[in-house]
Amino acid sequence: MKKKFLKFLSYLVLFLSVSLAVAFFRGGRTDYSDQLIPLPESVILQSDNLKNQVKVYYFWATWCSACKLNLPFIKFSYNMLKEKMIFLSIEEGESKEELEKFLKTNNIGFPVISGNPQLLKKFDVTAFPTTLFLNKKNEIVFSDSGILNPFSFFLRILILQFF
């Protein structure tokens, strides 16, 4: 039993290490400090020192099934970590009416702005959902797409607190 557990644990550590390495290299450490996304007032009021905060940009679409699967986790992590990071959700550009209907129907309380093709291109978003993790210097350190792994998500936030 102990041998099976150690084998499982070693596979888990290997998997997490590889996934973090891939996300790190995809992030590219690009500096976006001169062209950050304009933050809504609700996000600005959330933090008195935006420059020294870790940021998570979550690009998604109302029609995306993986985005819908991520929704409960996004709500949970936002409520849990909103004091420790700036979280901004960018919807791909649905009509204002459709977006408002989706937000109301799904009881979304985290900050959402409507995206556009230029914004998606600027951040090299080619799939939904895409999550970008920016350090305190506004450099993208981790980039990930698809269904979020909660453990990996929290681990990245923790790493960025010290990066």
C-alpha atoms as a PDB file:
ATOM      1  CA  MET A   1       0.000   0.000   0.000  1.00  0.00           C
ATOM      2  CA  LYS A   2       2.798   2.400   0.946  1.00  0.00           C
ATOM      3  CA  LYS A   3       4.623   1.620  -2.308  1.00  0.00           C
ATOM      4  CA  LYS A   4       1.511   2.417  -4.385  1.00  0.00           C
ATOM      5  CA  PHE A   5       1.010   5.689  -2.522  1.00  0.00           C
ATOM      6  CA  LEU A   6       4.641   6.749  -3.122  1.00  0.00           C
ATOM      7  CA  LYS A   7       4.325   5.857  -6.789  1.00  0.00           C
ATOM      8  CA  PHE A   8       1.118   7.895  -7.060  1.00  0.00           C
ATOM      9  CA  LEU A   9       2.718  10.815  -5.219  1.00  0.00           C
ATOM     10  CA  SER A  10       5.754  10.776  -7.510  1.00  0.00           C
ATOM     11  CA  TYR A  11       3.497  10.808 -10.596  1.00  0.00           C
ATOM     12  CA  LEU A  12       1.507  13.687  -9.121  1.00  0.00           C
ATOM     13  CA  VAL A  13       4.659  15.724  -8.438  1.00  0.00           C
ATOM     14  CA  LEU A  14       5.944  14.985 -11.935  1.00  0.00           C
ATOM     15  CA  PHE A  15       2.629  16.007 -13.512  1.00  0.00           C
ATOM     16  CA  LEU A  16       2.467  19.264 -11.540  1.00  0.00           C
ATOM     17  CA  SER A  17       6.086  20.101 -12.318  1.00  0.00           C
ATOM     18  CA  VAL A  18       5.589  19.556 -16.034  1.00  0.00           C
ATOM     19  CA  SER A  19       2.327  21.544 -16.121  1.00  0.00           C
ATOM     20  CA  LEU A  20       3.912  24.463 -14.244  1.00  0.00           C
ATOM     21  CA  ALA A  21       6.942  24.415 -16.542  1.00  0.00           C
ATOM     22  CA  VAL A  22       4.760  24.441 -19.656  1.00  0.00           C
ATOM     23  CA  ALA A  23       2.628  27.300 -18.292  1.00  0.00           C
ATOM     24  CA  PHE A  24       5.788  29.210 -17.322  1.00  0.00           C
ATOM     25  CA  PHE A  25       7.318  28.926 -20.794  1.00  0.00           C
ATOM     26  CA  ARG A  26       4.002  29.784 -22.450  1.00  0.00           C
ATOM     27  CA  GLY A  27       3.843  32.884 -20.254  1.00  0.00           C
ATOM     28  CA  GLY A  28       6.991  34.231 -21.861  1.00  0.00           C
ATOM     29  CA  ARG A  29       7.589  36.814 -19.103  1.00  0.00           C
ATOM     30  CA  THR A  30       6.308  39.520 -21.427  1.00  0.00           C
ATOM     31  CA  ASP A  31       6.171  42.935 -19.796  1.00  0.00           C
ATOM     32  CA  TYR A  32       2.760  44.543 -20.245  1.00  0.00           C
ATOM     33  CA  SER A  33       3.250  47.392 -17.760  1.00  0.00           C
ATOM     34  CA  ASP A  34       2.814  50.055 -20.454  1.00  0.00           C
ATOM     35  CA  GLN A  35      -0.332  48.527 -21.971  1.00  0.00           C
ATOM     36  CA  LEU A  36      -2.366  47.025 -19.167  1.00  0.00           C
ATOM     37  CA  ILE A  37      -6.064  46.449 -19.587  1.00  0.00           C
ATOM     38  CA  PRO A  38      -8.039  49.423 -18.284  1.00  0.00           C
ATOM     39  CA  LEU A  39      -9.414  48.214 -14.980  1.00  0.00           C
ATOM     40  CA  PRO A  40     -13.043  48.868 -14.011  1.00  0.00           C
ATOM     41  CA  GLU A  41     -13.690  51.141 -11.039  1.00  0.00           C
ATOM     42  CA  SER A  42     -14.781  48.183  -8.885  1.00  0.00           C
ATOM     43  CA  VAL A  43     -11.304  46.645  -9.317  1.00  0.00           C
ATOM     44  CA  ILE A  44      -9.512  49.947  -8.707  1.00  0.00           C
ATOM     45  CA  LEU A  45     -11.447  50.447  -5.480  1.00  0.00           C
ATOM     46  CA  GLN A  46     -10.544  46.903  -4.450  1.00  0.00           C
ATOM     47  CA  SER A  47      -6.843  47.722  -4.115  1.00  0.00           C
ATOM     48  CA  ASP A  48      -4.993  50.818  -3.055  1.00  0.00           C
ATOM     49  CA  ASN A  49      -1.739  49.712  -4.659  1.00  0.00           C
ATOM     50  CA  LEU A  50      -2.362  48.134  -8.074  1.00  0.00           C
ATOM     51  CA  LYS A  51       1.283  48.179  -9.129  1.00  0.00           C
ATOM     52  CA  ASN A  52       2.377  45.805  -6.374  1.00  0.00           C
ATOM     53  CA  GLN A  53      -0.378  43.248  -6.830  1.00  0.00           C
ATOM     54  CA  VAL A  54      -0.400  39.891  -8.554  1.00  0.00           C
ATOM     55  CA  LYS A  55      -2.952  39.952 -11.379  1.00  0.00           C
ATOM     56  CA  VAL A  56      -4.976  37.174 -12.961  1.00  0.00           C
ATOM     57  CA  TYR A  57      -6.636  37.860 -16.310  1.00  0.00           C
ATOM     58  CA  TYR A  58      -9.254  35.271 -17.208  1.00  0.00           C
ATOM     59  CA  PHE A  59     -10.383  35.388 -20.860  1.00  0.00           C
ATOM     60  CA  TRP A  60     -13.624  33.510 -21.524  1.00  0.00           C
ATOM     61  CA  ALA A  61     -16.785  33.386 -23.641  1.00  0.00           C
ATOM     62  CA  THR A  62     -20.447  32.913 -22.770  1.00  0.00           C
ATOM     63  CA  TRP A  63     -20.779  30.125 -25.356  1.00  0.00           C
ATOM     64  CA  CYS A  64     -17.679  28.196 -24.167  1.00  0.00           C
ATOM     65  CA  SER A  65     -18.436  24.877 -22.396  1.00  0.00           C
ATOM     66  CA  ALA A  66     -15.046  24.703 -20.635  1.00  0.00           C
ATOM     67  CA  CYS A  67     -15.619  28.259 -19.375  1.00  0.00           C
ATOM     68  CA  LYS A  68     -18.947  27.169 -17.912  1.00  0.00           C
ATOM     69  CA  LEU A  69     -17.231  24.238 -16.188  1.00  0.00           C
ATOM     70  CA  ASN A  70     -14.660  26.648 -14.706  1.00  0.00           C
ATOM     71  CA  LEU A  71     -17.320  29.065 -13.446  1.00  0.00           C
ATOM     72  CA  PRO A  72     -17.884  27.584  -9.942  1.00  0.00           C
ATOM     73  CA  PHE A  73     -14.131  27.454  -9.348  1.00  0.00           C
ATOM     74  CA  ILE A  74     -13.625  31.012 -10.639  1.00  0.00           C
ATOM     75  CA  LYS A  75     -16.345  32.282  -8.294  1.00  0.00           C
ATOM     76  CA  PHE A  76     -14.825  30.406  -5.358  1.00  0.00           C
ATOM     77  CA  SER A  77     -11.233  31.486  -6.007  1.00  0.00           C
ATOM     78  CA  TYR A  78     -12.241  35.111  -6.587  1.00  0.00           C
ATOM     79  CA  ASN A  79     -14.095  35.244  -3.259  1.00  0.00           C
ATOM     80  CA  MET A  80     -11.236  33.508  -1.488  1.00  0.00           C
ATOM     81  CA  LEU A  81      -8.357  35.525  -2.980  1.00  0.00           C
ATOM     82  CA  LYS A  82      -9.781  38.948  -3.861  1.00  0.00           C
ATOM     83  CA  GLU A  83      -7.754  40.568  -1.071  1.00  0.00           C
ATOM     84  CA  LYS A  84      -4.499  38.981  -2.288  1.00  0.00           C
ATOM     85  CA  MET A  85      -4.695  39.607  -6.034  1.00  0.00           C
ATOM     86  CA  ILE A  86      -6.344  41.635  -8.747  1.00  0.00           C
ATOM     87  CA  PHE A  87      -8.707  39.387 -10.702  1.00  0.00           C
ATOM     88  CA  LEU A  88     -10.166  40.564 -13.976  1.00  0.00           C
ATOM     89  CA  SER A  89     -12.397  38.523 -16.203  1.00  0.00           C
ATOM     90  CA  ILE A  90     -12.505  39.476 -19.891  1.00  0.00           C
ATOM     91  CA  GLU A  91     -15.440  38.116 -21.891  1.00  0.00           C
ATOM     92  CA  GLU A  92     -14.668  37.701 -25.594  1.00  0.00           C
ATOM     93  CA  GLY A  93     -17.071  40.355 -26.821  1.00  0.00           C
ATOM     94  CA  GLU A  94     -20.655  39.092 -26.660  1.00  0.00           C
ATOM     95  CA  SER A  95     -23.347  41.717 -27.147  1.00  0.00           C
ATOM     96  CA  LYS A  96     -23.951  43.858 -24.070  1.00  0.00           C
ATOM     97  CA  GLU A  97     -27.467  42.484 -23.614  1.00  0.00           C
ATOM     98  CA  GLU A  98     -26.365  38.842 -23.883  1.00  0.00           C
ATOM     99  CA  LEU A  99     -23.461  39.399 -21.495  1.00  0.00           C
ATOM    100  CA  GLU A 100     -25.648  41.123 -18.898  1.00  0.00           C
ATOM    101  CA  LYS A 101     -28.193  38.308 -19.164  1.00  0.00           C
ATOM    102  CA  PHE A 102     -25.443  35.677 -18.688  1.00  0.00           C
ATOM    103  CA  LEU A 103     -23.969  37.531 -15.688  1.00  0.00           C
ATOM    104  CA  LYS A 104     -27.381  37.849 -14.029  1.00  0.00           C
ATOM    105  CA  THR A 105     -28.459  34.269 -14.767  1.00  0.00           C
ATOM    106  CA  ASN A 106     -25.204  32.854 -13.362  1.00  0.00           C
ATOM    107  CA  ASN A 107     -25.018  35.231 -10.381  1.00  0.00           C
ATOM    108  CA  ILE A 108     -21.518  36.440 -11.273  1.00  0.00           C
ATOM    109  CA  GLY A 109     -20.022  38.843  -8.747  1.00  0.00           C
ATOM    110  CA  PHE A 110     -16.461  39.104  -9.988  1.00  0.00           C
ATOM    111  CA  PRO A 111     -15.320  41.974 -12.262  1.00  0.00           C
ATOM    112  CA  VAL A 112     -16.090  41.407 -15.956  1.00  0.00           C
ATOM    113  CA  ILE A 113     -15.210  43.610 -18.902  1.00  0.00           C
ATOM    114  CA  SER A 114     -16.142  43.050 -22.504  1.00  0.00           C
ATOM    115  CA  GLY A 115     -13.228  42.183 -24.761  1.00  0.00           C
ATOM    116  CA  ASN A 116     -12.632  42.921 -28.396  1.00  0.00           C
ATOM    117  CA  PRO A 117     -10.493  41.404 -31.181  1.00  0.00           C
ATOM    118  CA  GLN A 118      -7.648  43.897 -30.614  1.00  0.00           C
ATOM    119  CA  LEU A 119      -7.443  43.079 -26.906  1.00  0.00           C
ATOM    120  CA  LEU A 120      -7.495  39.344 -27.566  1.00  0.00           C
ATOM    121  CA  LYS A 121      -4.737  39.734 -30.160  1.00  0.00           C
ATOM    122  CA  LYS A 122      -2.637  41.927 -27.854  1.00  0.00           C
ATOM    123  CA  PHE A 123      -2.595  39.185 -25.221  1.00  0.00           C
ATOM    124  CA  ASP A 124      -2.313  36.384 -27.803  1.00  0.00           C
ATOM    125  CA  VAL A 125      -5.568  34.742 -26.752  1.00  0.00           C
ATOM    126  CA  THR A 126      -6.382  32.028 -29.286  1.00  0.00           C
ATOM    127  CA  ALA A 127      -8.562  29.726 -27.159  1.00  0.00           C
ATOM    128  CA  PHE A 128     -11.133  30.014 -24.410  1.00  0.00           C
ATOM    129  CA  PRO A 129     -10.723  29.990 -21.537  1.00  0.00           C
ATOM    130  CA  THR A 130      -7.223  31.445 -21.268  1.00  0.00           C
ATOM    131  CA  THR A 131      -5.799  32.444 -17.908  1.00  0.00           C
ATOM    132  CA  LEU A 132      -2.816  34.779 -17.617  1.00  0.00           C
ATOM    133  CA  PHE A 133      -0.924  35.144 -14.356  1.00  0.00           C
ATOM    134  CA  LEU A 134       1.001  38.423 -14.024  1.00  0.00           C
ATOM    135  CA  ASN A 135       3.588  39.099 -11.344  1.00  0.00           C
ATOM    136  CA  LYS A 136       3.915  42.354  -9.399  1.00  0.00           C
ATOM    137  CA  LYS A 137       6.014  43.811 -12.246  1.00  0.00           C
ATOM    138  CA  ASN A 138       3.095  43.190 -14.660  1.00  0.00           C
ATOM    139  CA  GLU A 139       4.977  40.466 -16.525  1.00  0.00           C
ATOM    140  CA  ILE A 140       3.026  37.448 -17.693  1.00  0.00           C
ATOM    141  CA  VAL A 141       4.717  34.588 -15.879  1.00  0.00           C
ATOM    142  CA  PHE A 142       2.190  31.797 -16.458  1.00  0.00           C
ATOM    143  CA  SER A 143      -0.268  31.296 -19.290  1.00  0.00           C
ATOM    144  CA  ASP A 144      -2.778  28.491 -19.401  1.00  0.00           C
ATOM    145  CA  SER A 145      -5.826  27.533 -21.421  1.00  0.00           C
ATOM    146  CA  GLY A 146      -8.630  25.080 -20.845  1.00  0.00           C
ATOM    147  CA  ILE A 147     -10.174  23.737 -17.671  1.00  0.00           C
ATOM    148  CA  LEU A 148      -8.403  25.031 -14.587  1.00  0.00           C
ATOM    149  CA  ASN A 149      -6.660  22.758 -12.120  1.00  0.00           C
ATOM    150  CA  PRO A 150      -7.445  24.229  -8.668  1.00  0.00           C
ATOM    151  CA  PHE A 151      -4.214  23.049  -7.067  1.00  0.00           C
ATOM    152  CA  SER A 152      -2.104  24.425  -9.901  1.00  0.00           C
ATOM    153  CA  PHE A 153      -4.065  27.702  -9.890  1.00  0.00           C
ATOM    154  CA  PHE A 154      -3.437  28.310  -6.173  1.00  0.00           C
ATOM    155  CA  LEU A 155       0.182  27.190  -6.466  1.00  0.00           C
ATOM    156  CA  ARG A 156       0.786  29.762  -9.226  1.00  0.00           C
ATOM    157  CA  ILE A 157      -0.752  32.522  -7.110  1.00  0.00           C
ATOM    158  CA  LEU A 158       1.495  31.505  -4.223  1.00  0.00           C
ATOM    159  CA  ILE A 159       4.607  31.461  -6.435  1.00  0.00           C
ATOM    160  CA  LEU A 160       3.780  34.898  -7.829  1.00  0.00           C
ATOM    161  CA  GLN A 161       3.485  36.379  -4.347  1.00  0.00           C
ATOM    162  CA  PHE A 162       7.257  35.851  -4.021  1.00  0.00           C
ATOM    163  CA  PHE A 163       8.330  36.192  -7.678  1.00  0.00           C
END
